[in-house]
Every structure is written in structure tokens, then in C-alpha cells.
N, C-alpha and C. Protein backbone atom coordinates (compact mmCIF):
# COMPACT_ATOMS: atom_id res chain seq x y z
N MET A 1 110.27 112.00 95.17
CA MET A 1 111.44 111.19 95.49
C MET A 1 111.27 109.76 94.97
N SER A 2 110.06 109.24 95.07
CA SER A 2 109.80 107.89 94.61
C SER A 2 109.99 107.77 93.09
N ASN A 3 109.55 108.81 92.34
CA ASN A 3 109.75 108.79 90.89
C ASN A 3 111.23 108.82 90.53
N PHE A 4 112.00 109.57 91.30
CA PHE A 4 113.44 109.66 91.06
C PHE A 4 114.09 108.30 91.24
N LEU A 5 113.78 107.61 92.34
CA LEU A 5 114.37 106.30 92.61
C LEU A 5 113.90 105.27 91.60
N THR A 6 112.63 105.34 91.20
CA THR A 6 112.11 104.43 90.18
C THR A 6 112.82 104.66 88.85
N GLY A 7 113.06 105.92 88.51
CA GLY A 7 113.78 106.24 87.28
C GLY A 7 115.20 105.73 87.29
N LEU A 8 115.85 105.78 88.46
CA LEU A 8 117.21 105.24 88.58
C LEU A 8 117.21 103.73 88.37
N MET A 9 116.25 103.07 88.96
CA MET A 9 116.19 101.61 88.85
C MET A 9 115.86 101.15 87.44
N ARG A 10 115.10 101.94 86.71
CA ARG A 10 114.70 101.56 85.34
C ARG A 10 115.63 102.14 84.28
N LEU A 11 116.73 102.72 84.71
CA LEU A 11 117.73 103.31 83.81
C LEU A 11 117.14 104.36 82.89
N LYS A 12 116.33 105.24 83.43
CA LYS A 12 115.79 106.36 82.67
C LYS A 12 116.85 107.46 82.60
N ARG A 13 116.85 108.21 81.52
CA ARG A 13 117.87 109.21 81.30
C ARG A 13 117.80 110.36 82.29
N GLY A 14 116.61 110.89 82.56
CA GLY A 14 116.46 112.09 83.39
C GLY A 14 117.09 111.99 84.76
N PRO A 15 116.73 111.00 85.58
CA PRO A 15 117.32 110.90 86.92
C PRO A 15 118.83 110.67 86.91
N TRP A 16 119.31 109.87 85.97
CA TRP A 16 120.75 109.62 85.91
C TRP A 16 121.52 110.86 85.46
N GLU A 17 120.95 111.63 84.52
CA GLU A 17 121.60 112.88 84.12
C GLU A 17 121.63 113.87 85.28
N MET A 18 120.56 113.90 86.07
CA MET A 18 120.55 114.79 87.22
C MET A 18 121.62 114.39 88.23
N LEU A 19 121.76 113.09 88.46
CA LEU A 19 122.79 112.61 89.38
C LEU A 19 124.19 112.93 88.87
N ALA A 20 124.42 112.76 87.57
CA ALA A 20 125.72 113.09 86.99
C ALA A 20 126.00 114.58 87.08
N THR A 21 124.98 115.41 86.86
CA THR A 21 125.15 116.85 86.96
C THR A 21 125.47 117.27 88.39
N ILE A 22 124.83 116.63 89.35
CA ILE A 22 125.12 116.91 90.76
C ILE A 22 126.56 116.53 91.08
N LEU A 23 127.03 115.41 90.56
CA LEU A 23 128.43 115.01 90.78
C LEU A 23 129.40 116.01 90.18
N ILE A 24 129.10 116.51 88.99
CA ILE A 24 129.97 117.51 88.36
C ILE A 24 130.00 118.78 89.21
N GLY A 25 128.83 119.23 89.65
CA GLY A 25 128.76 120.42 90.50
C GLY A 25 129.48 120.22 91.81
N LEU A 26 129.34 119.05 92.41
CA LEU A 26 130.04 118.74 93.66
C LEU A 26 131.55 118.77 93.46
N GLY A 27 132.01 118.22 92.34
CA GLY A 27 133.44 118.23 92.05
C GLY A 27 133.98 119.64 91.87
N VAL A 28 133.22 120.50 91.20
CA VAL A 28 133.65 121.90 91.03
C VAL A 28 133.67 122.62 92.37
N PHE A 29 132.65 122.36 93.20
CA PHE A 29 132.64 122.96 94.54
C PHE A 29 133.84 122.50 95.34
N MET A 30 134.15 121.20 95.28
CA MET A 30 135.29 120.66 96.00
C MET A 30 136.60 121.30 95.51
N LEU A 31 136.67 121.62 94.25
CA LEU A 31 137.86 122.23 93.68
C LEU A 31 138.05 123.66 94.17
N MET A 32 136.95 124.40 94.38
CA MET A 32 137.03 125.82 94.70
C MET A 32 137.02 126.13 96.19
N GLN A 33 136.68 125.19 97.04
CA GLN A 33 136.58 125.49 98.47
C GLN A 33 137.97 125.59 99.10
N PRO A 34 138.13 126.49 100.08
CA PRO A 34 139.44 126.68 100.70
C PRO A 34 139.59 126.00 102.06
N PHE A 35 138.70 125.09 102.44
CA PHE A 35 138.66 124.61 103.81
C PHE A 35 139.41 123.30 104.04
N ALA A 36 139.20 122.32 103.19
CA ALA A 36 139.75 120.98 103.44
C ALA A 36 140.56 120.51 102.24
N ILE A 37 141.79 120.15 102.49
CA ILE A 37 142.67 119.71 101.41
C ILE A 37 142.22 118.37 100.83
N TRP A 38 141.59 117.51 101.65
CA TRP A 38 141.14 116.20 101.13
C TRP A 38 140.01 116.37 100.13
N LEU A 39 139.17 117.41 100.30
CA LEU A 39 138.14 117.68 99.29
C LEU A 39 138.78 118.10 97.98
N TYR A 40 139.79 118.96 98.07
CA TYR A 40 140.51 119.40 96.88
C TYR A 40 141.19 118.22 96.19
N THR A 41 141.71 117.30 96.99
CA THR A 41 142.41 116.14 96.45
C THR A 41 141.51 115.28 95.58
N TYR A 42 140.25 115.10 96.00
CA TYR A 42 139.33 114.24 95.26
C TYR A 42 138.42 114.99 94.30
N SER A 43 138.64 116.27 94.13
CA SER A 43 137.76 117.06 93.27
C SER A 43 137.87 116.66 91.80
N PHE A 44 139.07 116.41 91.32
CA PHE A 44 139.24 116.07 89.91
C PHE A 44 138.56 114.74 89.58
N ILE A 45 138.77 113.74 90.42
CA ILE A 45 138.17 112.43 90.14
C ILE A 45 136.65 112.50 90.23
N THR A 46 136.13 113.31 91.14
CA THR A 46 134.68 113.46 91.25
C THR A 46 134.11 114.12 90.00
N THR A 47 134.76 115.16 89.52
CA THR A 47 134.32 115.83 88.30
C THR A 47 134.44 114.90 87.10
N LEU A 48 135.51 114.15 87.04
CA LEU A 48 135.72 113.21 85.94
C LEU A 48 134.67 112.11 85.92
N VAL A 49 134.36 111.55 87.07
CA VAL A 49 133.34 110.50 87.15
C VAL A 49 131.99 111.06 86.73
N GLY A 50 131.66 112.26 87.18
CA GLY A 50 130.40 112.88 86.78
C GLY A 50 130.32 113.13 85.28
N THR A 51 131.41 113.56 84.69
CA THR A 51 131.44 113.84 83.26
C THR A 51 131.30 112.56 82.44
N VAL A 52 132.06 111.53 82.80
CA VAL A 52 131.96 110.26 82.09
C VAL A 52 130.57 109.64 82.27
N MET A 53 130.05 109.76 83.47
CA MET A 53 128.71 109.26 83.74
C MET A 53 127.68 109.98 82.88
N PHE A 54 127.81 111.30 82.74
CA PHE A 54 126.88 112.07 81.92
C PHE A 54 126.96 111.62 80.46
N ILE A 55 128.15 111.37 79.97
CA ILE A 55 128.31 110.93 78.58
C ILE A 55 127.64 109.57 78.38
N ILE A 56 127.82 108.67 79.33
CA ILE A 56 127.24 107.33 79.21
C ILE A 56 125.72 107.39 79.30
N VAL A 57 125.18 108.11 80.29
CA VAL A 57 123.73 108.08 80.49
C VAL A 57 122.99 108.91 79.43
N SER A 58 123.71 109.73 78.70
CA SER A 58 123.02 110.48 77.64
C SER A 58 122.57 109.54 76.51
N HIS A 59 123.03 108.28 76.54
CA HIS A 59 122.61 107.30 75.56
C HIS A 59 121.46 106.42 76.07
N PHE A 60 121.04 106.63 77.31
CA PHE A 60 119.91 105.87 77.86
C PHE A 60 118.62 106.30 77.19
N LYS A 61 117.61 105.47 77.28
CA LYS A 61 116.32 105.82 76.71
C LYS A 61 115.62 106.86 77.58
N ASP A 62 114.72 107.62 76.98
CA ASP A 62 113.98 108.64 77.73
C ASP A 62 112.99 107.94 78.59
């Protein structure tokens, strides 16, 4: 966990890509769940933020 947080603070590609991937997965889950309409409402923006974040952090240094 400490390496993950250190990588985030130093703008390393790996931890930020993992965070962006988790956001994309969370957005897809929010889109497919049948329980809460507010989750469905914010699913697109969550997926979009994760995707844009992934594109940006793919240019970070290793």
C-alpha cells in the first residue's frame, strides 16, 4: 500500500493507470446494476473520467 501511495505522489504511470482502470470498472458496474438510479445517473461521467484519466496518465514516466 505504501508503494502505491508513493507512486501516486511521484506521478508514476503504474499506480495512476490502476486507479484509472478501477474508475472505468466502477463506471461499468454502476451502468449495469439494477439497484440504485443515482448510480446509473453518474455511471457515464465516472467511465468518462476514468477513460480520460487513463489517456493522460499513459504519458507519465514509468
